[in-house]
N, C-alpha and C. Protein backbone atom coordinates (compact mmCIF):
# COMPACT_ATOMS: atom_id res chain seq x y z
N MET A 1 5.99 11.26 11.90
CA MET A 1 6.54 10.44 10.83
C MET A 1 5.46 9.48 10.29
N ALA A 2 4.64 8.93 11.18
CA ALA A 2 3.61 7.99 10.74
C ALA A 2 2.65 8.66 9.75
N GLU A 3 2.32 9.92 10.03
CA GLU A 3 1.42 10.64 9.14
C GLU A 3 2.05 10.79 7.75
N LYS A 4 3.34 11.04 7.71
CA LYS A 4 4.04 11.19 6.43
C LYS A 4 3.96 9.89 5.63
N TYR A 5 4.11 8.75 6.29
CA TYR A 5 4.01 7.46 5.60
C TYR A 5 2.63 7.28 5.00
N VAL A 6 1.60 7.60 5.78
CA VAL A 6 0.21 7.45 5.32
C VAL A 6 -0.04 8.35 4.11
N VAL A 7 0.41 9.59 4.18
CA VAL A 7 0.21 10.53 3.07
C VAL A 7 0.97 10.07 1.83
N ASN A 8 2.18 9.59 2.01
CA ASN A 8 2.96 9.10 0.86
C ASN A 8 2.25 7.94 0.17
N LEU A 9 1.62 7.08 0.94
CA LEU A 9 0.87 5.98 0.34
C LEU A 9 -0.35 6.49 -0.41
N GLU A 10 -1.00 7.51 0.12
CA GLU A 10 -2.15 8.08 -0.58
C GLU A 10 -1.72 8.60 -1.95
N VAL A 11 -0.56 9.24 -2.00
CA VAL A 11 -0.04 9.72 -3.27
C VAL A 11 0.27 8.54 -4.19
N ALA A 12 0.90 7.51 -3.63
CA ALA A 12 1.25 6.34 -4.44
C ALA A 12 0.01 5.70 -5.04
N PHE A 13 -1.03 5.53 -4.25
CA PHE A 13 -2.27 4.92 -4.77
C PHE A 13 -2.95 5.82 -5.79
N SER A 14 -2.91 7.13 -5.56
CA SER A 14 -3.60 8.03 -6.48
C SER A 14 -2.89 8.17 -7.82
N THR A 15 -1.62 7.85 -7.86
CA THR A 15 -0.86 7.96 -9.11
C THR A 15 -0.50 6.59 -9.71
N LEU A 16 -0.99 5.54 -9.09
CA LEU A 16 -0.69 4.18 -9.54
C LEU A 16 -1.24 3.92 -10.94
N LYS A 17 -0.39 3.40 -11.78
CA LYS A 17 -0.80 3.01 -13.13
C LYS A 17 -0.33 1.58 -13.36
N VAL A 18 -1.23 0.77 -13.87
CA VAL A 18 -0.91 -0.62 -14.16
C VAL A 18 -0.66 -0.74 -15.65
N ALA A 19 0.52 -1.19 -16.00
CA ALA A 19 0.87 -1.35 -17.42
C ALA A 19 0.13 -2.55 -17.99
N GLN A 20 -0.50 -2.36 -19.12
CA GLN A 20 -1.24 -3.43 -19.79
C GLN A 20 -0.27 -4.40 -20.46
N GLY A 21 -0.53 -5.66 -20.29
CA GLY A 21 0.29 -6.67 -20.94
C GLY A 21 1.74 -6.62 -20.50
N ALA A 22 1.94 -6.18 -19.28
CA ALA A 22 3.31 -5.94 -18.84
C ALA A 22 3.96 -7.14 -18.20
N GLY A 23 3.30 -8.25 -18.24
CA GLY A 23 4.09 -9.29 -17.60
C GLY A 23 3.43 -10.60 -17.33
N HIS A 24 3.99 -11.19 -16.38
CA HIS A 24 3.75 -12.57 -16.04
C HIS A 24 2.78 -12.74 -14.87
N VAL A 25 2.18 -11.67 -14.40
CA VAL A 25 1.28 -11.73 -13.25
C VAL A 25 -0.16 -11.79 -13.75
N LYS A 26 -0.90 -12.76 -13.24
CA LYS A 26 -2.31 -12.87 -13.60
C LYS A 26 -3.09 -11.72 -12.97
N GLN A 27 -4.13 -11.27 -13.66
CA GLN A 27 -4.94 -10.15 -13.17
C GLN A 27 -5.48 -10.42 -11.77
N GLU A 28 -5.93 -11.62 -11.52
CA GLU A 28 -6.50 -11.92 -10.20
C GLU A 28 -5.43 -11.81 -9.10
N ASP A 29 -4.20 -12.18 -9.42
CA ASP A 29 -3.12 -12.06 -8.45
C ASP A 29 -2.77 -10.59 -8.22
N LEU A 30 -2.74 -9.82 -9.28
CA LEU A 30 -2.48 -8.39 -9.18
C LEU A 30 -3.56 -7.73 -8.33
N ASP A 31 -4.81 -8.05 -8.59
CA ASP A 31 -5.92 -7.48 -7.83
C ASP A 31 -5.81 -7.85 -6.35
N TYR A 32 -5.42 -9.08 -6.07
CA TYR A 32 -5.29 -9.54 -4.69
C TYR A 32 -4.21 -8.74 -3.95
N VAL A 33 -3.06 -8.57 -4.58
CA VAL A 33 -1.96 -7.85 -3.93
C VAL A 33 -2.32 -6.38 -3.74
N LEU A 34 -2.94 -5.78 -4.74
CA LEU A 34 -3.37 -4.38 -4.60
C LEU A 34 -4.40 -4.23 -3.48
N ASP A 35 -5.31 -5.18 -3.38
CA ASP A 35 -6.31 -5.15 -2.31
C ASP A 35 -5.64 -5.24 -0.94
N MET A 36 -4.67 -6.13 -0.82
CA MET A 36 -3.95 -6.26 0.45
C MET A 36 -3.21 -4.96 0.79
N ALA A 37 -2.58 -4.36 -0.19
CA ALA A 37 -1.87 -3.09 0.04
C ALA A 37 -2.84 -2.01 0.50
N ARG A 38 -3.99 -1.95 -0.15
CA ARG A 38 -5.00 -0.94 0.25
C ARG A 38 -5.51 -1.20 1.66
N ARG A 39 -5.68 -2.45 2.02
CA ARG A 39 -6.14 -2.79 3.37
C ARG A 39 -5.11 -2.40 4.43
N TYR A 40 -3.84 -2.66 4.14
CA TYR A 40 -2.78 -2.24 5.07
C TYR A 40 -2.77 -0.72 5.20
N HIS A 41 -3.00 -0.03 4.10
CA HIS A 41 -3.05 1.44 4.14
C HIS A 41 -4.21 1.90 5.02
N GLU A 42 -5.36 1.29 4.86
CA GLU A 42 -6.51 1.64 5.71
C GLU A 42 -6.22 1.34 7.17
N ASP A 43 -5.57 0.22 7.42
CA ASP A 43 -5.18 -0.11 8.80
C ASP A 43 -4.23 0.95 9.35
N ALA A 44 -3.27 1.38 8.53
CA ALA A 44 -2.30 2.39 8.96
C ALA A 44 -3.01 3.68 9.36
N LYS A 45 -4.01 4.08 8.57
CA LYS A 45 -4.77 5.29 8.90
C LYS A 45 -5.51 5.11 10.22
N GLY A 46 -6.09 3.94 10.42
CA GLY A 46 -6.81 3.65 11.66
C GLY A 46 -5.89 3.66 12.87
N PHE A 47 -4.73 3.05 12.73
CA PHE A 47 -3.77 3.04 13.84
C PHE A 47 -3.32 4.47 14.17
N LEU A 48 -3.13 5.27 13.16
CA LEU A 48 -2.73 6.66 13.38
C LEU A 48 -3.82 7.43 14.13
N ARG A 49 -5.07 7.22 13.72
CA ARG A 49 -6.20 7.90 14.38
C ARG A 49 -6.33 7.51 15.84
N THR A 50 -5.97 6.27 16.17
CA THR A 50 -6.16 5.78 17.53
C THR A 50 -4.90 5.88 18.38
N GLY A 51 -3.94 6.66 17.91
CA GLY A 51 -2.76 6.93 18.71
C GLY A 51 -1.73 5.82 18.76
N ARG A 52 -1.64 5.05 17.68
CA ARG A 52 -0.65 3.97 17.62
C ARG A 52 0.28 4.20 16.42
N PRO A 53 1.13 5.23 16.51
CA PRO A 53 1.95 5.60 15.36
C PRO A 53 2.95 4.53 14.92
N LEU A 54 3.53 3.80 15.84
CA LEU A 54 4.49 2.77 15.43
C LEU A 54 3.81 1.65 14.66
N THR A 55 2.63 1.27 15.10
CA THR A 55 1.88 0.24 14.39
C THR A 55 1.43 0.77 13.03
N SER A 56 1.11 2.05 12.98
CA SER A 56 0.75 2.68 11.71
C SER A 56 1.91 2.62 10.73
N ILE A 57 3.11 2.91 11.20
CA ILE A 57 4.29 2.85 10.33
C ILE A 57 4.51 1.43 9.84
N ALA A 58 4.32 0.46 10.72
CA ALA A 58 4.50 -0.94 10.31
C ALA A 58 3.51 -1.31 9.21
N ALA A 59 2.24 -0.94 9.38
CA ALA A 59 1.22 -1.25 8.37
C ALA A 59 1.53 -0.53 7.06
N SER A 60 1.96 0.72 7.15
CA SER A 60 2.34 1.47 5.95
C SER A 60 3.51 0.80 5.24
N SER A 61 4.45 0.31 6.01
CA SER A 61 5.62 -0.35 5.43
C SER A 61 5.23 -1.63 4.70
N TYR A 62 4.29 -2.38 5.26
CA TYR A 62 3.79 -3.57 4.57
C TYR A 62 3.15 -3.19 3.24
N ALA A 63 2.31 -2.16 3.27
CA ALA A 63 1.64 -1.71 2.04
C ALA A 63 2.66 -1.28 1.00
N GLU A 64 3.64 -0.51 1.43
CA GLU A 64 4.66 -0.05 0.51
C GLU A 64 5.47 -1.22 -0.07
N GLY A 65 5.76 -2.19 0.78
CA GLY A 65 6.48 -3.36 0.30
C GLY A 65 5.72 -4.13 -0.75
N LEU A 66 4.41 -4.25 -0.58
CA LEU A 66 3.60 -4.93 -1.58
C LEU A 66 3.61 -4.17 -2.90
N LEU A 67 3.49 -2.86 -2.83
CA LEU A 67 3.54 -2.06 -4.05
C LEU A 67 4.91 -2.16 -4.71
N ASP A 68 5.95 -2.14 -3.92
CA ASP A 68 7.30 -2.28 -4.47
C ASP A 68 7.48 -3.63 -5.15
N ALA A 69 6.93 -4.66 -4.55
CA ALA A 69 7.06 -6.02 -5.13
C ALA A 69 6.39 -6.08 -6.49
N LEU A 70 5.32 -5.34 -6.68
CA LEU A 70 4.63 -5.34 -7.98
C LEU A 70 5.46 -4.65 -9.05
N GLY A 71 6.30 -3.73 -8.62
CA GLY A 71 7.12 -3.00 -9.57
C GLY A 71 8.35 -3.75 -10.03
N SER A 72 8.61 -4.88 -9.40
CA SER A 72 9.81 -5.64 -9.74
C SER A 72 9.64 -6.44 -11.00
């Protein structure tokens, strides 16, 4: 299951599109949140490689939550 979460995030990042002029979020704040989401994704991949699937799922969930928050 952890691998599925990691792969789903890879798809999400590869298809991510940022709407121009779409709102009330400053570019620097958007960049910060996207960077954090990417870091959690990298952590999730690392946890998966080192045999820590539950921690990988947790990191993936944080990344997904950050991406979901941007879509609100």
